[in-house]
């Protein structure tokens, strides 16, 4: 199960609009723990005709020697997700 992350500001705007008073104070909404989340960047491994044994990240262009390792699900350089775009 994947967690969905929303902004605290969007949450507050939704539940504090139109005079609706939630069961908790606004200060309690502000005290919910935050997390460091960034959008997922999707990419794919490309090959280079000059070096067919090297996979190249389509986002950052970093090379990865596929003969030494199994292809990763994530680029070890930029962290892009190589598993295909989420539908």
N, C-alpha and C. Protein backbone atom coordinates (compact mmCIF):
# COMPACT_ATOMS: atom_id res chain seq x y z
N UNK A 1 0.83 -1.17 0.00
CA UNK A 1 0.00 0.00 0.00
C UNK A 1 0.89 1.25 0.00
N UNK A 2 0.63 2.16 -0.92
CA UNK A 2 1.38 3.41 -0.99
C UNK A 2 0.66 4.48 -0.20
N UNK A 3 1.44 5.31 0.49
CA UNK A 3 0.87 6.45 1.19
C UNK A 3 0.71 7.60 0.22
N UNK A 4 -0.33 8.38 0.39
CA UNK A 4 -0.52 9.59 -0.38
C UNK A 4 -0.13 10.76 0.50
N UNK A 5 0.62 11.69 -0.05
CA UNK A 5 1.05 12.86 0.70
C UNK A 5 0.35 14.09 0.16
N UNK A 6 -0.15 14.92 1.05
CA UNK A 6 -0.78 16.17 0.67
C UNK A 6 -0.11 17.29 1.43
N UNK A 7 -0.28 18.49 0.94
CA UNK A 7 0.33 19.62 1.64
C UNK A 7 -0.52 20.00 2.84
N UNK A 8 0.15 20.42 3.88
CA UNK A 8 -0.55 20.86 5.08
C UNK A 8 -1.44 22.05 4.76
N UNK A 9 -0.93 22.95 3.90
CA UNK A 9 -1.70 24.14 3.52
C UNK A 9 -3.00 23.74 2.82
N UNK A 10 -2.94 22.79 1.88
CA UNK A 10 -4.15 22.34 1.18
C UNK A 10 -5.13 21.70 2.15
N UNK A 11 -4.62 20.93 3.09
CA UNK A 11 -5.46 20.28 4.08
C UNK A 11 -6.21 21.32 4.93
N UNK A 12 -5.46 22.32 5.39
CA UNK A 12 -6.07 23.37 6.22
C UNK A 12 -7.10 24.16 5.44
N UNK A 13 -6.79 24.50 4.19
CA UNK A 13 -7.74 25.27 3.37
C UNK A 13 -9.03 24.50 3.19
N UNK A 14 -8.94 23.19 3.01
CA UNK A 14 -10.13 22.37 2.81
C UNK A 14 -10.99 22.32 4.07
N UNK A 15 -10.36 22.14 5.22
CA UNK A 15 -11.13 21.92 6.45
C UNK A 15 -11.39 23.17 7.27
N UNK A 16 -10.80 24.29 6.91
CA UNK A 16 -11.07 25.53 7.64
C UNK A 16 -11.87 26.53 6.81
N UNK A 17 -12.25 26.14 5.60
CA UNK A 17 -13.00 27.06 4.74
C UNK A 17 -14.46 27.15 5.17
N UNK A 18 -15.12 28.14 4.67
CA UNK A 18 -16.58 28.28 4.77
C UNK A 18 -17.11 28.25 6.20
N UNK A 19 -16.32 28.62 7.17
CA UNK A 19 -16.79 28.67 8.54
C UNK A 19 -16.92 27.31 9.21
N UNK A 20 -16.49 26.25 8.53
CA UNK A 20 -16.56 24.92 9.13
C UNK A 20 -15.53 24.83 10.24
N UNK A 21 -15.96 24.39 11.39
CA UNK A 21 -15.05 24.28 12.53
C UNK A 21 -14.79 22.79 12.79
N UNK A 22 -13.57 22.35 12.52
CA UNK A 22 -13.25 20.94 12.76
C UNK A 22 -13.21 20.63 14.25
N UNK A 23 -13.10 19.37 14.57
CA UNK A 23 -13.08 18.94 15.97
C UNK A 23 -11.75 19.24 16.66
N UNK A 24 -10.83 19.82 15.93
CA UNK A 24 -9.55 20.17 16.53
C UNK A 24 -9.21 21.60 16.19
N UNK A 25 -8.38 22.19 17.00
CA UNK A 25 -7.97 23.58 16.79
C UNK A 25 -7.00 23.68 15.62
N UNK A 26 -6.93 24.88 15.03
CA UNK A 26 -6.01 25.10 13.92
C UNK A 26 -4.57 24.82 14.35
N UNK A 27 -4.24 25.13 15.59
CA UNK A 27 -2.88 24.88 16.08
C UNK A 27 -2.57 23.38 16.08
N UNK A 28 -3.58 22.55 16.30
CA UNK A 28 -3.36 21.10 16.24
C UNK A 28 -3.08 20.65 14.81
N UNK A 29 -3.76 21.28 13.84
CA UNK A 29 -3.48 20.96 12.44
C UNK A 29 -2.03 21.30 12.10
N UNK A 30 -1.55 22.42 12.64
CA UNK A 30 -0.17 22.83 12.38
C UNK A 30 0.85 21.89 13.02
N UNK A 31 0.43 21.15 14.04
CA UNK A 31 1.38 20.29 14.75
C UNK A 31 1.50 18.89 14.16
N UNK A 32 0.70 18.57 13.12
CA UNK A 32 0.84 17.26 12.49
C UNK A 32 2.26 17.11 11.95
N UNK A 33 2.86 15.94 12.10
CA UNK A 33 4.24 15.77 11.65
C UNK A 33 4.33 15.87 10.13
N UNK A 34 5.38 16.49 9.67
CA UNK A 34 5.64 16.61 8.24
C UNK A 34 6.68 15.59 7.81
N UNK A 35 6.88 15.50 6.53
CA UNK A 35 7.90 14.61 6.01
C UNK A 35 8.54 15.25 4.80
N UNK A 36 9.73 14.82 4.47
CA UNK A 36 10.46 15.35 3.33
C UNK A 36 10.12 14.49 2.11
N UNK A 37 9.22 14.98 1.27
CA UNK A 37 8.73 14.22 0.13
C UNK A 37 8.99 15.03 -1.14
N UNK A 38 9.43 14.35 -2.18
CA UNK A 38 9.58 15.01 -3.47
C UNK A 38 8.89 14.18 -4.53
N UNK A 39 8.50 14.80 -5.63
CA UNK A 39 7.82 14.05 -6.69
C UNK A 39 8.71 12.95 -7.26
N UNK A 40 8.09 11.87 -7.67
CA UNK A 40 8.83 10.76 -8.28
C UNK A 40 9.15 11.13 -9.72
N UNK A 41 10.40 10.94 -10.10
CA UNK A 41 10.84 11.16 -11.48
C UNK A 41 10.99 9.79 -12.12
N UNK A 42 10.29 9.58 -13.23
CA UNK A 42 10.36 8.31 -13.94
C UNK A 42 11.36 8.42 -15.09
N UNK A 43 12.08 7.34 -15.33
CA UNK A 43 13.09 7.32 -16.37
C UNK A 43 13.16 5.92 -16.97
N UNK A 44 14.09 5.71 -17.85
CA UNK A 44 14.33 4.38 -18.40
C UNK A 44 15.80 4.26 -18.76
N UNK A 45 16.26 3.02 -18.78
CA UNK A 45 17.64 2.77 -19.17
C UNK A 45 17.73 2.78 -20.69
N UNK A 46 18.68 3.52 -21.23
CA UNK A 46 18.96 3.58 -22.66
C UNK A 46 20.33 2.94 -22.89
N UNK A 47 20.57 2.52 -24.12
CA UNK A 47 21.90 2.00 -24.46
C UNK A 47 22.56 2.97 -25.42
N UNK A 48 23.87 2.91 -25.45
CA UNK A 48 24.68 3.77 -26.30
C UNK A 48 25.39 2.87 -27.30
N UNK A 49 25.32 3.18 -28.59
CA UNK A 49 25.96 2.33 -29.60
C UNK A 49 27.47 2.28 -29.43
N UNK A 50 28.06 3.32 -28.84
CA UNK A 50 29.51 3.31 -28.59
C UNK A 50 29.89 2.35 -27.47
N UNK A 51 29.00 2.19 -26.50
CA UNK A 51 29.27 1.31 -25.36
C UNK A 51 28.01 0.50 -25.07
N UNK A 52 27.74 -0.56 -25.84
CA UNK A 52 26.50 -1.33 -25.65
C UNK A 52 26.39 -2.04 -24.31
N UNK A 53 27.50 -2.14 -23.57
CA UNK A 53 27.48 -2.78 -22.26
C UNK A 53 27.14 -1.79 -21.14
N UNK A 54 26.88 -0.54 -21.49
CA UNK A 54 26.58 0.48 -20.50
C UNK A 54 25.16 0.98 -20.69
N UNK A 55 24.42 0.99 -19.59
CA UNK A 55 23.07 1.56 -19.60
C UNK A 55 23.18 3.01 -19.20
N UNK A 56 22.34 3.87 -19.80
CA UNK A 56 22.38 5.30 -19.54
C UNK A 56 21.01 5.76 -19.08
N UNK A 57 20.98 6.50 -17.99
CA UNK A 57 19.73 7.05 -17.46
C UNK A 57 19.22 8.13 -18.40
N UNK A 58 17.95 8.04 -18.80
CA UNK A 58 17.40 9.03 -19.72
C UNK A 58 17.13 10.38 -19.05
N UNK A 59 17.22 10.46 -17.72
CA UNK A 59 17.03 11.73 -17.02
C UNK A 59 18.36 12.45 -16.82
N UNK A 60 19.32 11.80 -16.18
CA UNK A 60 20.56 12.49 -15.84
C UNK A 60 21.72 12.18 -16.78
N UNK A 61 21.58 11.14 -17.61
CA UNK A 61 22.62 10.81 -18.58
C UNK A 61 23.81 10.07 -18.00
N UNK A 62 23.72 9.66 -16.73
CA UNK A 62 24.83 8.93 -16.12
C UNK A 62 24.87 7.50 -16.63
N UNK A 63 26.08 6.99 -16.82
CA UNK A 63 26.26 5.63 -17.29
C UNK A 63 26.30 4.63 -16.15
N UNK A 64 25.97 3.41 -16.49
CA UNK A 64 25.89 2.33 -15.50
C UNK A 64 26.32 1.04 -16.20
N UNK A 65 27.39 0.41 -15.75
CA UNK A 65 27.93 -0.79 -16.38
C UNK A 65 27.07 -1.99 -16.03
N UNK A 66 26.25 -2.43 -16.98
CA UNK A 66 25.30 -3.51 -16.69
C UNK A 66 25.95 -4.87 -16.59
N UNK A 67 27.19 -5.03 -17.03
CA UNK A 67 27.84 -6.34 -16.92
C UNK A 67 28.34 -6.59 -15.50
N UNK A 68 28.59 -5.55 -14.76
CA UNK A 68 29.07 -5.70 -13.39
C UNK A 68 27.92 -5.87 -12.41
N UNK A 69 26.75 -5.39 -12.76
CA UNK A 69 25.60 -5.36 -11.86
C UNK A 69 24.34 -5.72 -12.62
N UNK A 70 23.34 -6.12 -11.90
CA UNK A 70 22.02 -6.25 -12.50
C UNK A 70 21.43 -4.85 -12.61
N UNK A 71 20.63 -4.59 -13.65
CA UNK A 71 20.03 -3.26 -13.75
C UNK A 71 19.18 -2.94 -12.52
N UNK A 72 19.40 -1.77 -11.97
CA UNK A 72 18.66 -1.32 -10.79
C UNK A 72 17.27 -0.82 -11.16
N UNK A 73 16.37 -0.82 -10.18
CA UNK A 73 15.05 -0.22 -10.36
C UNK A 73 15.10 1.29 -10.22
N UNK A 74 16.24 1.81 -9.71
CA UNK A 74 16.42 3.24 -9.53
C UNK A 74 17.81 3.62 -10.01
N UNK A 75 17.94 4.79 -10.61
CA UNK A 75 19.26 5.26 -11.04
C UNK A 75 20.09 5.55 -9.79
N UNK A 76 21.29 4.98 -9.71
CA UNK A 76 22.12 5.23 -8.52
C UNK A 76 22.66 6.65 -8.44
N UNK A 77 22.53 7.41 -9.52
CA UNK A 77 23.06 8.78 -9.53
C UNK A 77 22.01 9.83 -9.19
N UNK A 78 20.81 9.75 -9.83
CA UNK A 78 19.80 10.79 -9.60
C UNK A 78 18.55 10.27 -8.88
N UNK A 79 18.43 8.96 -8.69
CA UNK A 79 17.30 8.39 -7.97
C UNK A 79 16.04 8.19 -8.79
N UNK A 80 16.11 8.40 -10.11
CA UNK A 80 14.93 8.24 -10.97
C UNK A 80 14.42 6.80 -10.90
N UNK A 81 13.10 6.64 -10.93
CA UNK A 81 12.45 5.33 -10.87
C UNK A 81 12.46 4.72 -12.27
N UNK A 82 13.09 3.57 -12.41
CA UNK A 82 13.24 2.90 -13.71
C UNK A 82 12.20 1.82 -13.94
N UNK A 83 11.22 1.70 -13.07
CA UNK A 83 10.25 0.60 -13.17
C UNK A 83 9.10 0.89 -14.10
N UNK A 84 9.09 2.02 -14.77
CA UNK A 84 7.99 2.38 -15.65
C UNK A 84 7.06 3.34 -14.97
N UNK A 85 6.43 4.19 -15.75
CA UNK A 85 5.58 5.24 -15.17
C UNK A 85 4.36 4.62 -14.49
N UNK A 86 4.05 5.14 -13.31
CA UNK A 86 2.90 4.68 -12.54
C UNK A 86 1.62 5.06 -13.27
N UNK A 87 0.73 4.11 -13.41
CA UNK A 87 -0.53 4.36 -14.11
C UNK A 87 -1.60 4.75 -13.14
